[in-house]
């Protein structure tokens, strides 16, 4: 399923694909006070990728957003695992069913080898949910977290 992802982390995506993903993050965040980050590594240190996503979420200090509305999309390429972890503010609004549906959509795209497009789609969906529950406030809203893709080991 993830045949393409046998390369080094910085080679998972072409420059244009990386730009497409980062642009999707920026576009999503323009309409919300929420934050979205992508973390990609080769191997998951846990059996459950959601536990690893939660650990990374903490390591990246994503829980420090004012409204607790940050979302991490986690992918372990070689282990073919992924998870979406939302902080308590957004999780209370959308629930586990939303995250599970988004993971299924992303897996569907990945099966067709639409990796960057799959990520962009899930980012757009998360952005819609964030914009609905945490609309952008032009009186002091700021980008609290970087928009770049984080590559682990």
N, C-alpha and C. Protein backbone atom coordinates (compact mmCIF):
# COMPACT_ATOMS: atom_id res chain seq x y z
N UNK A 1 0.83 -1.20 0.00
CA UNK A 1 0.00 0.00 0.00
C UNK A 1 0.87 1.25 0.00
N UNK A 2 1.92 1.27 0.79
CA UNK A 2 2.77 2.45 0.87
C UNK A 2 4.07 2.22 0.10
N UNK A 3 4.02 1.54 -1.03
CA UNK A 3 5.23 1.18 -1.76
C UNK A 3 6.18 2.34 -2.01
N UNK A 4 5.66 3.50 -2.27
CA UNK A 4 6.49 4.67 -2.54
C UNK A 4 7.32 5.06 -1.33
N UNK A 5 6.87 4.75 -0.13
CA UNK A 5 7.49 5.26 1.08
C UNK A 5 8.60 4.39 1.60
N UNK A 6 9.53 4.06 0.76
CA UNK A 6 10.72 3.33 1.19
C UNK A 6 11.94 4.25 1.11
N UNK A 7 11.69 5.49 0.82
CA UNK A 7 12.75 6.46 0.64
C UNK A 7 13.04 7.19 1.95
N UNK A 8 14.08 7.99 1.97
CA UNK A 8 14.37 8.80 3.14
C UNK A 8 13.24 9.80 3.35
N UNK A 9 13.02 10.21 4.61
CA UNK A 9 11.88 11.09 4.91
C UNK A 9 11.78 12.33 4.04
N UNK A 10 12.90 12.98 3.75
CA UNK A 10 12.81 14.20 2.96
C UNK A 10 12.52 13.91 1.49
N UNK A 11 12.44 12.64 1.13
CA UNK A 11 12.16 12.26 -0.25
C UNK A 11 10.78 11.64 -0.42
N UNK A 12 9.98 11.64 0.61
CA UNK A 12 8.64 11.07 0.51
C UNK A 12 7.78 11.83 -0.48
N UNK A 13 8.01 13.12 -0.57
CA UNK A 13 7.21 13.97 -1.43
C UNK A 13 8.11 14.83 -2.30
N UNK A 14 7.64 15.10 -3.50
CA UNK A 14 8.36 16.05 -4.35
C UNK A 14 8.18 17.44 -3.75
N UNK A 15 8.94 18.39 -4.25
CA UNK A 15 8.80 19.76 -3.77
C UNK A 15 7.38 20.27 -3.97
N UNK A 16 6.80 19.96 -5.12
CA UNK A 16 5.44 20.45 -5.39
C UNK A 16 4.41 19.76 -4.48
N UNK A 17 4.64 18.49 -4.16
CA UNK A 17 3.72 17.79 -3.25
C UNK A 17 3.83 18.35 -1.84
N UNK A 18 5.06 18.62 -1.40
CA UNK A 18 5.25 19.23 -0.07
C UNK A 18 4.56 20.58 -0.02
N UNK A 19 4.71 21.34 -1.08
CA UNK A 19 4.07 22.65 -1.14
C UNK A 19 2.54 22.52 -1.11
N UNK A 20 2.02 21.52 -1.79
CA UNK A 20 0.56 21.28 -1.79
C UNK A 20 0.06 21.00 -0.38
N UNK A 21 0.80 20.20 0.38
CA UNK A 21 0.42 19.86 1.75
C UNK A 21 0.51 21.08 2.65
N UNK A 22 1.60 21.80 2.58
CA UNK A 22 1.77 23.00 3.42
C UNK A 22 0.73 24.06 3.06
N UNK A 23 0.43 24.20 1.78
CA UNK A 23 -0.61 25.14 1.35
C UNK A 23 -1.97 24.74 1.91
N UNK A 24 -2.25 23.43 1.93
CA UNK A 24 -3.51 22.96 2.51
C UNK A 24 -3.59 23.32 3.99
N UNK A 25 -2.47 23.19 4.70
CA UNK A 25 -2.44 23.57 6.12
C UNK A 25 -2.71 25.06 6.27
N UNK A 26 -2.01 25.86 5.49
CA UNK A 26 -2.19 27.32 5.59
C UNK A 26 -3.61 27.75 5.24
N UNK A 27 -4.17 27.16 4.19
CA UNK A 27 -5.54 27.49 3.80
C UNK A 27 -6.54 27.10 4.87
N UNK A 28 -6.35 25.93 5.46
CA UNK A 28 -7.24 25.47 6.53
C UNK A 28 -7.17 26.41 7.72
N UNK A 29 -5.97 26.83 8.07
CA UNK A 29 -5.79 27.66 9.27
C UNK A 29 -6.21 29.11 9.07
N UNK A 30 -6.38 29.53 7.84
CA UNK A 30 -6.83 30.91 7.59
C UNK A 30 -8.27 31.14 8.04
N UNK A 31 -9.03 30.07 8.21
CA UNK A 31 -10.45 30.20 8.53
C UNK A 31 -10.77 29.78 9.96
N UNK A 32 -9.72 29.50 10.76
CA UNK A 32 -9.95 28.98 12.10
C UNK A 32 -8.84 29.43 13.05
N UNK A 33 -9.14 29.36 14.33
CA UNK A 33 -8.10 29.58 15.33
C UNK A 33 -7.35 28.28 15.60
N UNK A 34 -7.82 27.17 15.03
CA UNK A 34 -7.20 25.86 15.22
C UNK A 34 -5.89 25.74 14.47
N UNK A 35 -5.16 24.68 14.81
CA UNK A 35 -3.85 24.42 14.22
C UNK A 35 -3.79 22.98 13.73
N UNK A 36 -3.09 22.77 12.61
CA UNK A 36 -2.91 21.43 12.05
C UNK A 36 -1.42 21.21 11.81
N UNK A 37 -0.93 20.04 12.22
CA UNK A 37 0.46 19.68 11.94
C UNK A 37 0.50 18.27 11.38
N UNK A 38 1.53 18.02 10.58
CA UNK A 38 1.77 16.70 9.99
C UNK A 38 3.11 16.21 10.52
N UNK A 39 3.13 14.97 11.02
CA UNK A 39 4.38 14.35 11.49
C UNK A 39 4.54 13.02 10.78
N UNK A 40 5.70 12.85 10.12
CA UNK A 40 5.98 11.64 9.35
C UNK A 40 7.30 11.06 9.81
N UNK A 41 7.28 9.76 10.09
CA UNK A 41 8.50 9.05 10.44
C UNK A 41 8.46 7.68 9.78
N UNK A 42 9.58 6.97 9.82
CA UNK A 42 9.65 5.66 9.20
C UNK A 42 8.91 4.60 10.00
N UNK A 43 9.20 4.52 11.29
CA UNK A 43 8.67 3.45 12.13
C UNK A 43 7.94 4.02 13.35
N UNK A 44 6.88 3.32 13.72
CA UNK A 44 6.11 3.67 14.91
C UNK A 44 6.70 2.91 16.09
N UNK A 45 6.98 3.61 17.17
CA UNK A 45 7.58 2.98 18.34
C UNK A 45 6.57 2.17 19.15
N UNK A 46 5.29 2.29 18.85
CA UNK A 46 4.25 1.59 19.59
C UNK A 46 3.42 0.72 18.66
N UNK A 47 2.72 -0.23 19.23
CA UNK A 47 1.79 -1.04 18.45
C UNK A 47 0.62 -0.16 17.99
N UNK A 48 0.19 0.73 18.86
CA UNK A 48 -0.95 1.61 18.58
C UNK A 48 -0.44 2.96 18.09
N UNK A 49 -0.66 3.30 16.81
CA UNK A 49 -0.16 4.58 16.30
C UNK A 49 -0.80 5.78 16.99
N UNK A 50 -1.99 5.62 17.55
CA UNK A 50 -2.63 6.73 18.25
C UNK A 50 -1.84 7.11 19.50
N UNK A 51 -1.29 6.11 20.19
CA UNK A 51 -0.44 6.41 21.36
C UNK A 51 0.80 7.19 20.93
N UNK A 52 1.39 6.79 19.81
CA UNK A 52 2.58 7.50 19.31
C UNK A 52 2.20 8.92 18.90
N UNK A 53 1.06 9.08 18.25
CA UNK A 53 0.61 10.42 17.86
C UNK A 53 0.42 11.30 19.09
N UNK A 54 -0.15 10.74 20.13
CA UNK A 54 -0.35 11.49 21.37
C UNK A 54 0.99 11.91 21.98
N UNK A 55 1.97 11.01 21.94
CA UNK A 55 3.30 11.34 22.46
C UNK A 55 3.94 12.48 21.66
N UNK A 56 3.87 12.38 20.34
CA UNK A 56 4.44 13.41 19.48
C UNK A 56 3.72 14.74 19.68
N UNK A 57 2.41 14.66 19.82
CA UNK A 57 1.59 15.85 20.08
C UNK A 57 2.15 16.60 21.29
N UNK A 58 2.44 15.86 22.34
CA UNK A 58 3.02 16.46 23.54
C UNK A 58 4.43 16.98 23.31
N UNK A 59 5.26 16.19 22.61
CA UNK A 59 6.64 16.61 22.33
C UNK A 59 6.69 17.90 21.52
N UNK A 60 5.71 18.07 20.62
CA UNK A 60 5.66 19.29 19.79
C UNK A 60 4.95 20.44 20.50
N UNK A 61 4.55 20.20 21.76
CA UNK A 61 3.86 21.21 22.58
C UNK A 61 2.59 21.73 21.92
N UNK A 62 1.90 20.83 21.24
CA UNK A 62 0.68 21.22 20.53
C UNK A 62 -0.48 21.47 21.49
N UNK A 63 -0.37 21.00 22.72
CA UNK A 63 -1.41 21.23 23.72
C UNK A 63 -1.39 22.66 24.25
N UNK A 64 -0.45 23.45 23.82
CA UNK A 64 -0.33 24.82 24.31
C UNK A 64 -1.17 25.84 23.53
N UNK A 65 -2.00 25.39 22.60
CA UNK A 65 -2.85 26.34 21.90
C UNK A 65 -3.90 26.87 22.87
N UNK A 66 -4.30 28.10 22.69
CA UNK A 66 -5.19 28.78 23.63
C UNK A 66 -6.52 28.04 23.81
N UNK A 67 -7.08 27.52 22.72
CA UNK A 67 -8.38 26.88 22.80
C UNK A 67 -8.31 25.35 22.76
N UNK A 68 -7.09 24.82 22.88
CA UNK A 68 -6.88 23.36 22.86
C UNK A 68 -7.51 22.74 21.61
N UNK A 69 -7.20 23.36 20.46
CA UNK A 69 -7.83 22.94 19.21
C UNK A 69 -6.80 22.62 18.12
N UNK A 70 -5.69 22.03 18.53
CA UNK A 70 -4.68 21.60 17.56
C UNK A 70 -4.94 20.14 17.17
N UNK A 71 -4.54 19.80 15.94
CA UNK A 71 -4.72 18.45 15.42
C UNK A 71 -3.41 17.98 14.80
N UNK A 72 -3.02 16.76 15.13
CA UNK A 72 -1.83 16.15 14.56
C UNK A 72 -2.22 14.98 13.67
N UNK A 73 -1.71 14.99 12.44
CA UNK A 73 -1.85 13.85 11.53
C UNK A 73 -0.50 13.14 11.57
N UNK A 74 -0.52 11.89 12.02
CA UNK A 74 0.69 11.10 12.22
C UNK A 74 0.74 9.95 11.22
N UNK A 75 1.93 9.77 10.62
CA UNK A 75 2.13 8.67 9.67
C UNK A 75 3.49 8.02 9.92
N UNK A 76 3.49 6.70 10.06
CA UNK A 76 4.72 5.90 10.12
C UNK A 76 4.79 5.13 8.80
N UNK A 77 5.64 5.57 7.90
CA UNK A 77 5.65 5.08 6.54
C UNK A 77 5.98 3.60 6.42
N UNK A 78 7.11 3.18 6.93
CA UNK A 78 7.53 1.79 6.76
C UNK A 78 6.62 0.83 7.50
N UNK A 79 6.05 1.27 8.61
CA UNK A 79 5.15 0.42 9.38
C UNK A 79 3.71 0.49 8.87
N UNK A 80 3.46 1.39 7.92
CA UNK A 80 2.13 1.53 7.32
C UNK A 80 1.06 1.80 8.39
N UNK A 81 1.38 2.73 9.27
CA UNK A 81 0.44 3.10 10.32
C UNK A 81 0.18 4.59 10.26
N UNK A 82 -1.03 4.96 10.67
CA UNK A 82 -1.35 6.37 10.75
C UNK A 82 -2.42 6.59 11.80
N UNK A 83 -2.50 7.83 12.24
CA UNK A 83 -3.49 8.21 13.24
C UNK A 83 -3.71 9.72 13.15
N UNK A 84 -4.85 10.14 13.64
CA UNK A 84 -5.14 11.57 13.76
C UNK A 84 -5.47 11.80 15.23
N UNK A 85 -4.78 12.76 15.83
CA UNK A 85 -5.00 13.07 17.25
C UNK A 85 -5.38 14.53 17.39
N UNK A 86 -6.55 14.76 17.94
CA UNK A 86 -7.03 16.12 18.18
C UNK A 86 -7.03 16.43 19.67
N UNK A 87 -6.62 17.65 20.01
CA UNK A 87 -6.61 18.08 21.41
C UNK A 87 -8.03 18.10 21.95
N UNK A 88 -8.15 18.24 23.25
CA UNK A 88 -9.46 18.09 23.90
C UNK A 88 -10.52 19.08 23.41
N UNK A 89 -10.13 20.29 23.04
CA UNK A 89 -11.11 21.27 22.57
C UNK A 89 -11.83 20.82 21.32
N UNK A 90 -11.09 20.39 20.31
CA UNK A 90 -11.71 19.95 19.06
C UNK A 90 -12.28 18.54 19.20
N UNK A 91 -11.62 17.69 19.97
CA UNK A 91 -12.12 16.32 20.13
C UNK A 91 -13.51 16.32 20.78
N UNK A 92 -13.73 17.18 21.74
CA UNK A 92 -15.05 17.27 22.38
C UNK A 92 -16.13 17.69 21.39
N UNK A 93 -15.75 18.40 20.35
CA UNK A 93 -16.71 18.88 19.35
C UNK A 93 -17.02 17.82 18.29
N UNK A 94 -15.98 17.09 17.83
CA UNK A 94 -16.19 16.18 16.69
C UNK A 94 -16.22 14.70 17.07
N UNK A 95 -15.52 14.30 18.11
CA UNK A 95 -15.53 12.92 18.58
C UNK A 95 -14.72 11.95 17.74
N UNK A 96 -14.61 10.75 18.25
CA UNK A 96 -13.79 9.70 17.62
C UNK A 96 -14.30 9.29 16.24
N UNK A 97 -15.60 9.31 16.04
CA UNK A 97 -16.14 8.91 14.73
C UNK A 97 -15.60 9.79 13.61
N UNK A 98 -15.47 11.07 13.87
CA UNK A 98 -14.92 12.00 12.86
C UNK A 98 -13.48 11.61 12.52
N UNK A 99 -12.65 11.41 13.55
CA UNK A 99 -11.24 11.08 13.30
C UNK A 99 -11.13 9.76 12.55
N UNK A 100 -11.92 8.77 12.95
CA UNK A 100 -11.88 7.46 12.28
C UNK A 100 -12.29 7.56 10.82
N UNK A 101 -13.30 8.36 10.53
CA UNK A 101 -13.73 8.54 9.14
C UNK A 101 -12.64 9.21 8.32
N UNK A 102 -11.94 10.17 8.90
CA UNK A 102 -10.86 10.85 8.18
C UNK A 102 -9.70 9.90 7.90
N UNK A 103 -9.38 9.05 8.86
CA UNK A 103 -8.32 8.06 8.64
C UNK A 103 -8.71 7.13 7.50
N UNK A 104 -9.96 6.69 7.46
CA UNK A 104 -10.43 5.81 6.38
C UNK A 104 -10.30 6.50 5.02
N UNK A 105 -10.65 7.78 4.96
CA UNK A 105 -10.51 8.52 3.70
C UNK A 105 -9.05 8.58 3.26
N UNK A 106 -8.17 8.86 4.23
CA UNK A 106 -6.76 8.97 3.90
C UNK A 106 -6.23 7.61 3.43
N UNK A 107 -6.62 6.54 4.09
CA UNK A 107 -6.19 5.20 3.66
C UNK A 107 -6.67 4.89 2.25
N UNK A 108 -7.87 5.30 1.92
CA UNK A 108 -8.40 5.09 0.59
C UNK A 108 -7.54 5.80 -0.46
N UNK A 109 -7.16 7.03 -0.16
CA UNK A 109 -6.29 7.77 -1.08
C UNK A 109 -4.91 7.13 -1.18
N UNK A 110 -4.37 6.69 -0.04
CA UNK A 110 -3.05 6.08 -0.03
C UNK A 110 -3.04 4.78 -0.83
N UNK A 111 -4.12 4.00 -0.76
CA UNK A 111 -4.19 2.76 -1.52
C UNK A 111 -4.08 3.02 -3.02
N UNK A 112 -4.51 4.18 -3.44
CA UNK A 112 -4.42 4.57 -4.85
C UNK A 112 -3.12 5.31 -5.14
N UNK A 113 -2.23 5.34 -4.18
CA UNK A 113 -0.94 6.02 -4.25
C UNK A 113 -1.09 7.53 -4.44
N UNK A 114 -2.16 8.07 -3.90
CA UNK A 114 -2.39 9.52 -3.89
C UNK A 114 -1.99 10.04 -2.51
N UNK A 115 -0.71 10.01 -2.21
CA UNK A 115 -0.23 10.31 -0.86
C UNK A 115 -0.39 11.79 -0.50
N UNK A 116 0.14 12.65 -1.31
CA UNK A 116 0.04 14.08 -1.02
C UNK A 116 -1.42 14.53 -1.08
N UNK A 117 -2.15 14.02 -2.06
CA UNK A 117 -3.56 14.37 -2.20
C UNK A 117 -4.37 13.86 -1.01
N UNK A 118 -4.04 12.67 -0.54
CA UNK A 118 -4.72 12.13 0.63
C UNK A 118 -4.50 12.99 1.86
N UNK A 119 -3.26 13.44 2.04
CA UNK A 119 -2.97 14.33 3.17
C UNK A 119 -3.68 15.67 3.00
N UNK A 120 -3.64 16.23 1.80
CA UNK A 120 -4.30 17.51 1.56
C UNK A 120 -5.80 17.40 1.82
N UNK A 121 -6.40 16.29 1.42
CA UNK A 121 -7.84 16.10 1.63
C UNK A 121 -8.18 16.04 3.11
N UNK A 122 -7.42 15.28 3.87
CA UNK A 122 -7.72 15.19 5.30
C UNK A 122 -7.49 16.54 6.00
N UNK A 123 -6.47 17.25 5.56
CA UNK A 123 -6.20 18.58 6.14
C UNK A 123 -7.38 19.51 5.85
N UNK A 124 -7.90 19.46 4.62
CA UNK A 124 -9.05 20.29 4.27
C UNK A 124 -10.27 19.93 5.11
N UNK A 125 -10.52 18.64 5.31
CA UNK A 125 -11.65 18.20 6.13
C UNK A 125 -11.49 18.66 7.58
N UNK A 126 -10.29 18.50 8.12
CA UNK A 126 -10.02 18.94 9.49
C UNK A 126 -10.19 20.45 9.58
N UNK A 127 -9.72 21.15 8.56
CA UNK A 127 -9.87 22.61 8.53
C UNK A 127 -11.33 23.04 8.55
N UNK A 128 -12.17 22.30 7.81
CA UNK A 128 -13.62 22.60 7.81
C UNK A 128 -14.20 22.43 9.21
N UNK A 129 -13.86 21.33 9.88
CA UNK A 129 -14.36 21.08 11.24
C UNK A 129 -13.86 22.15 12.20
N UNK A 130 -12.59 22.50 12.08
CA UNK A 130 -12.04 23.54 12.95
C UNK A 130 -12.70 24.88 12.69
N UNK A 131 -12.91 25.23 11.42
CA UNK A 131 -13.54 26.51 11.08
C UNK A 131 -14.97 26.57 11.61
N UNK A 132 -15.68 25.46 11.58
CA UNK A 132 -17.05 25.42 12.08
C UNK A 132 -17.09 25.62 13.59
N UNK A 133 -16.22 24.93 14.31
CA UNK A 133 -16.25 24.96 15.77
C UNK A 133 -15.38 26.06 16.38
N UNK A 134 -14.35 26.48 15.66
CA UNK A 134 -13.42 27.50 16.14
C UNK A 134 -13.12 28.49 15.02
N UNK A 135 -14.10 29.32 14.65
CA UNK A 135 -13.89 30.25 13.54
C UNK A 135 -12.74 31.23 13.81
N UNK A 136 -12.18 31.70 12.73
CA UNK A 136 -11.09 32.67 12.81
C UNK A 136 -11.56 33.96 13.47
N UNK A 137 -10.75 34.47 14.35
CA UNK A 137 -11.04 35.73 15.04
C UNK A 137 -9.96 36.73 14.64
N UNK A 138 -10.32 37.72 13.84
CA UNK A 138 -9.30 38.66 13.35
C UNK A 138 -8.84 39.65 14.41
N UNK A 139 -9.36 39.55 15.62
CA UNK A 139 -8.95 40.45 16.71
C UNK A 139 -7.92 39.77 17.61
N UNK A 140 -6.91 39.25 17.05
CA UNK A 140 -5.86 38.68 17.89
C UNK A 140 -5.53 37.23 17.61
N UNK A 141 -6.21 36.63 16.65
CA UNK A 141 -5.88 35.26 16.31
C UNK A 141 -4.50 35.25 15.66
N UNK A 142 -3.69 34.27 16.04
CA UNK A 142 -2.35 34.18 15.46
C UNK A 142 -2.03 32.73 15.16
N UNK A 143 -1.08 32.54 14.29
CA UNK A 143 -0.61 31.20 13.96
C UNK A 143 0.26 30.73 15.12
N UNK A 144 -0.27 29.81 15.92
CA UNK A 144 0.41 29.40 17.14
C UNK A 144 1.47 28.31 16.92
N UNK A 145 1.37 27.59 15.81
CA UNK A 145 2.31 26.51 15.52
C UNK A 145 2.80 26.59 14.08
N UNK A 146 4.03 26.14 13.80
CA UNK A 146 4.53 26.17 12.42
C UNK A 146 3.67 25.31 11.49
N UNK A 147 3.66 25.66 10.21
CA UNK A 147 2.84 24.96 9.22
C UNK A 147 3.61 23.90 8.45
N UNK A 148 4.89 23.76 8.72
CA UNK A 148 5.71 22.83 7.95
C UNK A 148 5.43 21.38 8.35
N UNK A 149 5.82 20.46 7.48
CA UNK A 149 5.74 19.03 7.76
C UNK A 149 6.93 18.68 8.65
N UNK A 150 6.68 17.94 9.73
CA UNK A 150 7.76 17.52 10.62
C UNK A 150 8.12 16.08 10.25
N UNK A 151 9.40 15.86 9.99
CA UNK A 151 9.88 14.52 9.67
C UNK A 151 10.68 13.99 10.85
N UNK A 152 10.27 12.82 11.34
CA UNK A 152 11.00 12.15 12.41
C UNK A 152 12.06 11.24 11.84
N UNK A 153 12.46 10.27 12.63
CA UNK A 153 13.50 9.34 12.15
C UNK A 153 12.94 8.22 11.31
